[in-house]
Amino acid sequence: MGSSGVTADTQTRFFGAIFVGYGAVWIWAARRSPISAVVIRWLAGIFLLGAIGRFISLAVYGWPHWFQIALTGPRQRTTRNT
């Protein structure tokens, strides 16, 4: 698989878990007030599934395109500064 295929695969696996799982839980949580700690843990668990999807892609296809890896650094630095 070419480097763009690896990039697309890792993105698809990550966002597949996020869009389906995270969206469904937020729809469910939006009907409750206040949102309980259990719901927040579920939302964090769904993000974990996305990360697992990325690790599966890494194990199966290798590293994504170098530019996607380079974009990870600035994203993490800006997250820590907020």
PDB file of N, CA and C in Angstrom:
ATOM      1  N   MET A   1       0.855  -1.179   0.000  1.00  0.00           N
ATOM      2  CA  MET A   1       0.000   0.000   0.000  1.00  0.00           C
ATOM      3  C   MET A   1       0.894   1.234   0.000  1.00  0.00           C
ATOM      4  N   GLY A   2       0.608   2.209  -0.844  1.00  0.00           N
ATOM      5  CA  GLY A   2       1.397   3.433  -0.916  1.00  0.00           C
ATOM      6  C   GLY A   2       1.227   4.299   0.321  1.00  0.00           C
ATOM      7  N   SER A   3       2.068   5.317   0.434  1.00  0.00           N
ATOM      8  CA  SER A   3       2.036   6.154   1.632  1.00  0.00           C
ATOM      9  C   SER A   3       0.715   6.895   1.788  1.00  0.00           C
ATOM     10  N   SER A   4       0.083   7.300   0.688  1.00  0.00           N
ATOM     11  CA  SER A   4      -1.212   7.974   0.828  1.00  0.00           C
ATOM     12  C   SER A   4      -2.281   6.994   1.282  1.00  0.00           C
ATOM     13  N   GLY A   5      -2.148   5.725   0.919  1.00  0.00           N
ATOM     14  CA  GLY A   5      -3.097   4.713   1.381  1.00  0.00           C
ATOM     15  C   GLY A   5      -2.999   4.482   2.868  1.00  0.00           C
ATOM     16  N   VAL A   6      -1.788   4.501   3.393  1.00  0.00           N
ATOM     17  CA  VAL A   6      -1.579   4.345   4.827  1.00  0.00           C
ATOM     18  C   VAL A   6      -2.186   5.527   5.561  1.00  0.00           C
ATOM     19  N   THR A   7      -1.968   6.726   5.050  1.00  0.00           N
ATOM     20  CA  THR A   7      -2.529   7.931   5.667  1.00  0.00           C
ATOM     21  C   THR A   7      -4.044   7.863   5.677  1.00  0.00           C
ATOM     22  N   ALA A   8      -4.622   7.488   4.559  1.00  0.00           N
ATOM     23  CA  ALA A   8      -6.074   7.389   4.478  1.00  0.00           C
ATOM     24  C   ALA A   8      -6.603   6.306   5.409  1.00  0.00           C
ATOM     25  N   ASP A   9      -5.883   5.192   5.515  1.00  0.00           N
ATOM     26  CA  ASP A   9      -6.333   4.102   6.370  1.00  0.00           C
ATOM     27  C   ASP A   9      -6.353   4.520   7.834  1.00  0.00           C
ATOM     28  N   THR A  10      -5.300   5.154   8.301  1.00  0.00           N
ATOM     29  CA  THR A  10      -5.252   5.550   9.702  1.00  0.00           C
ATOM     30  C   THR A  10      -6.326   6.588  10.022  1.00  0.00           C
ATOM     31  N   GLN A  11      -6.553   7.523   9.101  1.00  0.00           N
ATOM     32  CA  GLN A  11      -7.588   8.531   9.319  1.00  0.00           C
ATOM     33  C   GLN A  11      -8.973   7.888   9.332  1.00  0.00           C
ATOM     34  N   THR A  12      -9.216   6.974   8.404  1.00  0.00           N
ATOM     35  CA  THR A  12     -10.525   6.332   8.319  1.00  0.00           C
ATOM     36  C   THR A  12     -10.828   5.512   9.564  1.00  0.00           C
ATOM     37  N   ARG A  13      -9.867   4.761  10.041  1.00  0.00           N
ATOM     38  CA  ARG A  13     -10.090   3.960  11.246  1.00  0.00           C
ATOM     39  C   ARG A  13     -10.352   4.845  12.457  1.00  0.00           C
ATOM     40  N   PHE A  14      -9.577   5.911  12.607  1.00  0.00           N
ATOM     41  CA  PHE A  14      -9.745   6.796  13.749  1.00  0.00           C
ATOM     42  C   PHE A  14     -11.093   7.495  13.709  1.00  0.00           C
ATOM     43  N   PHE A  15     -11.406   8.132  12.591  1.00  0.00           N
ATOM     44  CA  PHE A  15     -12.642   8.886  12.518  1.00  0.00           C
ATOM     45  C   PHE A  15     -13.876   7.994  12.449  1.00  0.00           C
ATOM     46  N   GLY A  16     -13.727   6.761  11.978  1.00  0.00           N
ATOM     47  CA  GLY A  16     -14.854   5.832  12.015  1.00  0.00           C
ATOM     48  C   GLY A  16     -15.330   5.596  13.435  1.00  0.00           C
ATOM     49  N   ALA A  17     -14.394   5.343  14.322  1.00  0.00           N
ATOM     50  CA  ALA A  17     -14.756   5.143  15.733  1.00  0.00           C
ATOM     51  C   ALA A  17     -15.293   6.428  16.351  1.00  0.00           C
ATOM     52  N   ILE A  18     -14.682   7.536  16.026  1.00  0.00           N
ATOM     53  CA  ILE A  18     -15.089   8.805  16.615  1.00  0.00           C
ATOM     54  C   ILE A  18     -16.480   9.213  16.140  1.00  0.00           C
ATOM     55  N   PHE A  19     -16.720   9.204  14.836  1.00  0.00           N
ATOM     56  CA  PHE A  19     -18.001   9.673  14.315  1.00  0.00           C
ATOM     57  C   PHE A  19     -19.165   8.823  14.800  1.00  0.00           C
ATOM     58  N   VAL A  20     -19.006   7.516  14.754  1.00  0.00           N
ATOM     59  CA  VAL A  20     -20.100   6.640  15.169  1.00  0.00           C
ATOM     60  C   VAL A  20     -20.262   6.644  16.683  1.00  0.00           C
ATOM     61  N   GLY A  21     -19.200   6.322  17.382  1.00  0.00           N
ATOM     62  CA  GLY A  21     -19.296   6.183  18.834  1.00  0.00           C
ATOM     63  C   GLY A  21     -19.498   7.486  19.568  1.00  0.00           C
ATOM     64  N   TYR A  22     -18.667   8.443  19.295  1.00  0.00           N
ATOM     65  CA  TYR A  22     -18.715   9.718  20.006  1.00  0.00           C
ATOM     66  C   TYR A  22     -20.026  10.445  19.718  1.00  0.00           C
ATOM     67  N   GLY A  23     -20.444  10.431  18.474  1.00  0.00           N
ATOM     68  CA  GLY A  23     -21.702  11.082  18.111  1.00  0.00           C
ATOM     69  C   GLY A  23     -22.899  10.438  18.790  1.00  0.00           C
ATOM     70  N   ALA A  24     -22.930   9.116  18.803  1.00  0.00           N
ATOM     71  CA  ALA A  24     -24.055   8.415  19.438  1.00  0.00           C
ATOM     72  C   ALA A  24     -24.119   8.700  20.937  1.00  0.00           C
ATOM     73  N   VAL A  25     -22.976   8.712  21.596  1.00  0.00           N
ATOM     74  CA  VAL A  25     -22.967   8.979  23.041  1.00  0.00           C
ATOM     75  C   VAL A  25     -23.368  10.420  23.325  1.00  0.00           C
ATOM     76  N   TRP A  26     -22.930  11.363  22.512  1.00  0.00           N
ATOM     77  CA  TRP A  26     -23.321  12.760  22.741  1.00  0.00           C
ATOM     78  C   TRP A  26     -24.815  12.961  22.529  1.00  0.00           C
ATOM     79  N   ILE A  27     -25.393  12.299  21.549  1.00  0.00           N
ATOM     80  CA  ILE A  27     -26.843  12.380  21.366  1.00  0.00           C
ATOM     81  C   ILE A  27     -27.544  11.837  22.605  1.00  0.00           C
ATOM     82  N   TRP A  28     -27.062  10.733  23.116  1.00  0.00           N
ATOM     83  CA  TRP A  28     -27.646  10.157  24.323  1.00  0.00           C
ATOM     84  C   TRP A  28     -27.449  11.090  25.524  1.00  0.00           C
ATOM     85  N   ALA A  29     -26.238  11.638  25.661  1.00  0.00           N
ATOM     86  CA  ALA A  29     -25.922  12.487  26.813  1.00  0.00           C
ATOM     87  C   ALA A  29     -26.664  13.820  26.761  1.00  0.00           C
ATOM     88  N   ALA A  30     -26.951  14.309  25.563  1.00  0.00           N
ATOM     89  CA  ALA A  30     -27.633  15.596  25.438  1.00  0.00           C
ATOM     90  C   ALA A  30     -29.020  15.574  26.061  1.00  0.00           C
ATOM     91  N   ARG A  31     -29.576  14.407  26.241  1.00  0.00           N
ATOM     92  CA  ARG A  31     -30.905  14.275  26.840  1.00  0.00           C
ATOM     93  C   ARG A  31     -30.863  14.255  28.366  1.00  0.00           C
ATOM     94  N   ARG A  32     -29.668  14.315  28.944  1.00  0.00           N
ATOM     95  CA  ARG A  32     -29.526  14.271  30.395  1.00  0.00           C
ATOM     96  C   ARG A  32     -28.905  15.561  30.912  1.00  0.00           C
ATOM     97  N   SER A  33     -29.343  15.957  32.094  1.00  0.00           N
ATOM     98  CA  SER A  33     -28.769  17.140  32.712  1.00  0.00           C
ATOM     99  C   SER A  33     -28.706  16.912  34.209  1.00  0.00           C
ATOM    100  N   PRO A  34     -27.560  17.025  34.818  1.00  0.00           N
ATOM    101  CA  PRO A  34     -26.221  17.220  34.272  1.00  0.00           C
ATOM    102  C   PRO A  34     -25.659  15.911  33.715  1.00  0.00           C
ATOM    103  N   ILE A  35     -24.608  16.033  32.942  1.00  0.00           N
ATOM    104  CA  ILE A  35     -23.962  14.853  32.371  1.00  0.00           C
ATOM    105  C   ILE A  35     -23.129  14.201  33.465  1.00  0.00           C
ATOM    106  N   SER A  36     -23.338  12.920  33.662  1.00  0.00           N
ATOM    107  CA  SER A  36     -22.661  12.210  34.753  1.00  0.00           C
ATOM    108  C   SER A  36     -21.221  11.850  34.397  1.00  0.00           C
ATOM    109  N   ALA A  37     -20.452  11.511  35.415  1.00  0.00           N
ATOM    110  CA  ALA A  37     -19.063  11.096  35.219  1.00  0.00           C
ATOM    111  C   ALA A  37     -18.983   9.818  34.392  1.00  0.00           C
ATOM    112  N   VAL A  38     -19.970   8.964  34.493  1.00  0.00           N
ATOM    113  CA  VAL A  38     -19.985   7.727  33.708  1.00  0.00           C
ATOM    114  C   VAL A  38     -20.006   8.055  32.217  1.00  0.00           C
ATOM    115  N   VAL A  39     -20.777   9.051  31.840  1.00  0.00           N
ATOM    116  CA  VAL A  39     -20.849   9.438  30.429  1.00  0.00           C
ATOM    117  C   VAL A  39     -19.503   9.975  29.963  1.00  0.00           C
ATOM    118  N   ILE A  40     -18.868  10.781  30.785  1.00  0.00           N
ATOM    119  CA  ILE A  40     -17.558  11.321  30.418  1.00  0.00           C
ATOM    120  C   ILE A  40     -16.549  10.187  30.241  1.00  0.00           C
ATOM    121  N   ARG A  41     -16.612   9.181  31.096  1.00  0.00           N
ATOM    122  CA  ARG A  41     -15.712   8.021  30.946  1.00  0.00           C
ATOM    123  C   ARG A  41     -15.991   7.275  29.647  1.00  0.00           C
ATOM    124  N   TRP A  42     -17.246   7.136  29.280  1.00  0.00           N
ATOM    125  CA  TRP A  42     -17.586   6.495  28.017  1.00  0.00           C
ATOM    126  C   TRP A  42     -17.043   7.288  26.840  1.00  0.00           C
ATOM    127  N   LEU A  43     -17.171   8.598  26.907  1.00  0.00           N
ATOM    128  CA  LEU A  43     -16.647   9.436  25.825  1.00  0.00           C
ATOM    129  C   LEU A  43     -15.130   9.291  25.713  1.00  0.00           C
ATOM    130  N   ALA A  44     -14.439   9.228  26.839  1.00  0.00           N
ATOM    131  CA  ALA A  44     -12.990   9.016  26.822  1.00  0.00           C
ATOM    132  C   ALA A  44     -12.660   7.626  26.265  1.00  0.00           C
ATOM    133  N   GLY A  45     -13.461   6.640  26.593  1.00  0.00           N
ATOM    134  CA  GLY A  45     -13.255   5.283  26.078  1.00  0.00           C
ATOM    135  C   GLY A  45     -13.407   5.207  24.573  1.00  0.00           C
ATOM    136  N   ILE A  46     -14.315   5.998  24.031  1.00  0.00           N
ATOM    137  CA  ILE A  46     -14.507   6.016  22.588  1.00  0.00           C
ATOM    138  C   ILE A  46     -13.290   6.630  21.903  1.00  0.00           C
ATOM    139  N   PHE A  47     -12.720   7.676  22.500  1.00  0.00           N
ATOM    140  CA  PHE A  47     -11.476   8.210  21.951  1.00  0.00           C
ATOM    141  C   PHE A  47     -10.374   7.162  21.999  1.00  0.00           C
ATOM    142  N   LEU A  48     -10.363   6.357  23.050  1.00  0.00           N
ATOM    143  CA  LEU A  48      -9.391   5.274  23.145  1.00  0.00           C
ATOM    144  C   LEU A  48      -9.570   4.291  21.986  1.00  0.00           C
ATOM    145  N   LEU A  49     -10.805   3.999  21.610  1.00  0.00           N
ATOM    146  CA  LEU A  49     -11.042   3.119  20.459  1.00  0.00           C
ATOM    147  C   LEU A  49     -10.446   3.702  19.181  1.00  0.00           C
ATOM    148  N   GLY A  50     -10.570   4.997  19.021  1.00  0.00           N
ATOM    149  CA  GLY A  50      -9.955   5.644  17.862  1.00  0.00           C
ATOM    150  C   GLY A  50      -8.447   5.479  17.856  1.00  0.00           C
ATOM    151  N   ALA A  51      -7.837   5.613  19.035  1.00  0.00           N
ATOM    152  CA  ALA A  51      -6.388   5.434  19.147  1.00  0.00           C
ATOM    153  C   ALA A  51      -5.992   3.993  18.845  1.00  0.00           C
ATOM    154  N   ILE A  52      -6.787   3.049  19.294  1.00  0.00           N
ATOM    155  CA  ILE A  52      -6.513   1.640  19.013  1.00  0.00           C
ATOM    156  C   ILE A  52      -6.590   1.390  17.508  1.00  0.00           C
ATOM    157  N   GLY A  53      -7.560   2.018  16.840  1.00  0.00           N
ATOM    158  CA  GLY A  53      -7.659   1.902  15.386  1.00  0.00           C
ATOM    159  C   GLY A  53      -6.408   2.405  14.693  1.00  0.00           C
ATOM    160  N   ARG A  54      -5.849   3.489  15.213  1.00  0.00           N
ATOM    161  CA  ARG A  54      -4.607   4.012  14.631  1.00  0.00           C
ATOM    162  C   ARG A  54      -3.439   3.058  14.860  1.00  0.00           C
ATOM    163  N   PHE A  55      -3.370   2.450  16.027  1.00  0.00           N
ATOM    164  CA  PHE A  55      -2.295   1.493  16.284  1.00  0.00           C
ATOM    165  C   PHE A  55      -2.444   0.244  15.413  1.00  0.00           C
ATOM    166  N   ILE A  56      -3.676  -0.188  15.170  1.00  0.00           N
ATOM    167  CA  ILE A  56      -3.899  -1.316  14.261  1.00  0.00           C
ATOM    168  C   ILE A  56      -3.399  -0.964  12.863  1.00  0.00           C
ATOM    169  N   SER A  57      -3.741   0.227  12.408  1.00  0.00           N
ATOM    170  CA  SER A  57      -3.284   0.667  11.092  1.00  0.00           C
ATOM    171  C   SER A  57      -1.761   0.727  11.036  1.00  0.00           C
ATOM    172  N   LEU A  58      -1.137   1.208  12.105  1.00  0.00           N
ATOM    173  CA  LEU A  58       0.321   1.273  12.163  1.00  0.00           C
ATOM    174  C   LEU A  58       0.926  -0.122  12.080  1.00  0.00           C
ATOM    175  N   ALA A  59       0.317  -1.077  12.791  1.00  0.00           N
ATOM    176  CA  ALA A  59       0.838  -2.441  12.790  1.00  0.00           C
ATOM    177  C   ALA A  59       0.648  -3.124  11.434  1.00  0.00           C
ATOM    178  N   VAL A  60      -0.480  -2.851  10.767  1.00  0.00           N
ATOM    179  CA  VAL A  60      -0.782  -3.526   9.506  1.00  0.00           C
ATOM    180  C   VAL A  60      -0.060  -2.881   8.327  1.00  0.00           C
ATOM    181  N   TYR A  61      -0.069  -1.542   8.256  1.00  0.00           N
ATOM    182  CA  TYR A  61       0.429  -0.846   7.068  1.00  0.00           C
ATOM    183  C   TYR A  61       1.701  -0.044   7.288  1.00  0.00           C
ATOM    184  N   GLY A  62       2.109   0.137   8.513  1.00  0.00           N
ATOM    185  CA  GLY A  62       3.293   0.941   8.779  1.00  0.00           C
ATOM    186  C   GLY A  62       2.929   2.400   9.024  1.00  0.00           C
ATOM    187  N   TRP A  63       3.958   3.236   9.001  1.00  0.00           N
ATOM    188  CA  TRP A  63       3.782   4.650   9.309  1.00  0.00           C
ATOM    189  C   TRP A  63       3.050   5.367   8.179  1.00  0.00           C
ATOM    190  N   PRO A  64       2.230   6.369   8.525  1.00  0.00           N
ATOM    191  CA  PRO A  64       1.573   7.167   7.490  1.00  0.00           C
ATOM    192  C   PRO A  64       2.560   8.120   6.820  1.00  0.00           C
ATOM    193  N   HIS A  65       2.065   8.905   5.914  1.00  0.00           N
ATOM    194  CA  HIS A  65       2.877   9.887   5.196  1.00  0.00           C
ATOM    195  C   HIS A  65       3.589  10.795   6.199  1.00  0.00           C
ATOM    196  N   TRP A  66       4.827  11.187   5.880  1.00  0.00           N
ATOM    197  CA  TRP A  66       5.635  11.973   6.818  1.00  0.00           C
ATOM    198  C   TRP A  66       4.964  13.279   7.210  1.00  0.00           C
ATOM    199  N   PHE A  67       4.172  13.853   6.309  1.00  0.00           N
ATOM    200  CA  PHE A  67       3.539  15.126   6.612  1.00  0.00           C
ATOM    201  C   PHE A  67       2.482  14.979   7.707  1.00  0.00           C
ATOM    202  N   GLN A  68       1.780  13.855   7.721  1.00  0.00           N
ATOM    203  CA  GLN A  68       0.799  13.628   8.780  1.00  0.00           C
ATOM    204  C   GLN A  68       1.509  13.485  10.126  1.00  0.00           C
ATOM    205  N   ILE A  69       2.640  12.826  10.134  1.00  0.00           N
ATOM    206  CA  ILE A  69       3.413  12.695  11.375  1.00  0.00           C
ATOM    207  C   ILE A  69       3.905  14.067  11.825  1.00  0.00           C
ATOM    208  N   ALA A  70       4.363  14.894  10.879  1.00  0.00           N
ATOM    209  CA  ALA A  70       4.841  16.243  11.224  1.00  0.00           C
ATOM    210  C   ALA A  70       3.718  17.093  11.807  1.00  0.00           C
ATOM    211  N   LEU A  71       2.506  16.931  11.329  1.00  0.00           N
ATOM    212  CA  LEU A  71       1.377  17.706  11.848  1.00  0.00           C
ATOM    213  C   LEU A  71       0.987  17.298  13.265  1.00  0.00           C
ATOM    214  N   THR A  72       1.366  16.128  13.696  1.00  0.00           N
ATOM    215  CA  THR A  72       1.039  15.666  15.041  1.00  0.00           C
ATOM    216  C   THR A  72       1.768  16.484  16.097  1.00  0.00           C
ATOM    217  N   GLY A  73       3.007  16.867  15.832  1.00  0.00           N
ATOM    218  CA  GLY A  73       3.788  17.650  16.799  1.00  0.00           C
ATOM    219  C   GLY A  73       3.145  18.981  17.145  1.00  0.00           C
ATOM    220  N   PRO A  74       2.839  19.844  16.148  1.00  0.00           N
ATOM    221  CA  PRO A  74       2.216  21.131  16.476  1.00  0.00           C
ATOM    222  C   PRO A  74       0.865  20.977  17.150  1.00  0.00           C
ATOM    223  N   ARG A  75       0.125  19.963  16.788  1.00  0.00           N
ATOM    224  CA  ARG A  75      -1.182  19.752  17.396  1.00  0.00           C
ATOM    225  C   ARG A  75      -1.018  19.440  18.884  1.00  0.00           C
ATOM    226  N   GLN A  76      -0.044  18.633  19.246  1.00  0.00           N
ATOM    227  CA  GLN A  76       0.181  18.308  20.648  1.00  0.00           C
ATOM    228  C   GLN A  76       0.715  19.497  21.414  1.00  0.00           C
ATOM    229  N   ARG A  77       1.592  20.298  20.809  1.00  0.00           N
ATOM    230  CA  ARG A  77       2.131  21.464  21.497  1.00  0.00           C
ATOM    231  C   ARG A  77       1.044  22.492  21.775  1.00  0.00           C
ATOM    232  N   THR A  78       0.151  22.735  20.820  1.00  0.00           N
ATOM    233  CA  THR A  78      -0.897  23.719  21.052  1.00  0.00           C
ATOM    234  C   THR A  78      -1.906  23.223  22.064  1.00  0.00           C
ATOM    235  N   THR A  79      -2.112  21.920  22.151  1.00  0.00           N
ATOM    236  CA  THR A  79      -3.035  21.371  23.134  1.00  0.00           C
ATOM    237  C   THR A  79      -2.491  21.554  24.533  1.00  0.00           C
ATOM    238  N   ARG A  80      -1.194  21.359  24.729  1.00  0.00           N
ATOM    239  CA  ARG A  80      -0.605  21.506  26.051  1.00  0.00           C
ATOM    240  C   ARG A  80      -0.601  22.963  26.538  1.00  0.00           C
ATOM    241  N   ASN A  81      -0.540  23.905  25.612  1.00  0.00           N
ATOM    242  CA  ASN A  81      -0.459  25.314  25.994  1.00  0.00           C
ATOM    243  C   ASN A  81      -1.811  25.907  26.395  1.00  0.00           C
ATOM    244  N   THR A  82      -2.903  25.231  26.120  1.00  0.00           N
ATOM    245  CA  THR A  82      -4.201  25.798  26.449  1.00  0.00           C
ATOM    246  C   THR A  82      -4.681  25.392  27.796  1.00  0.00           C
TER     247      THR A  82
END
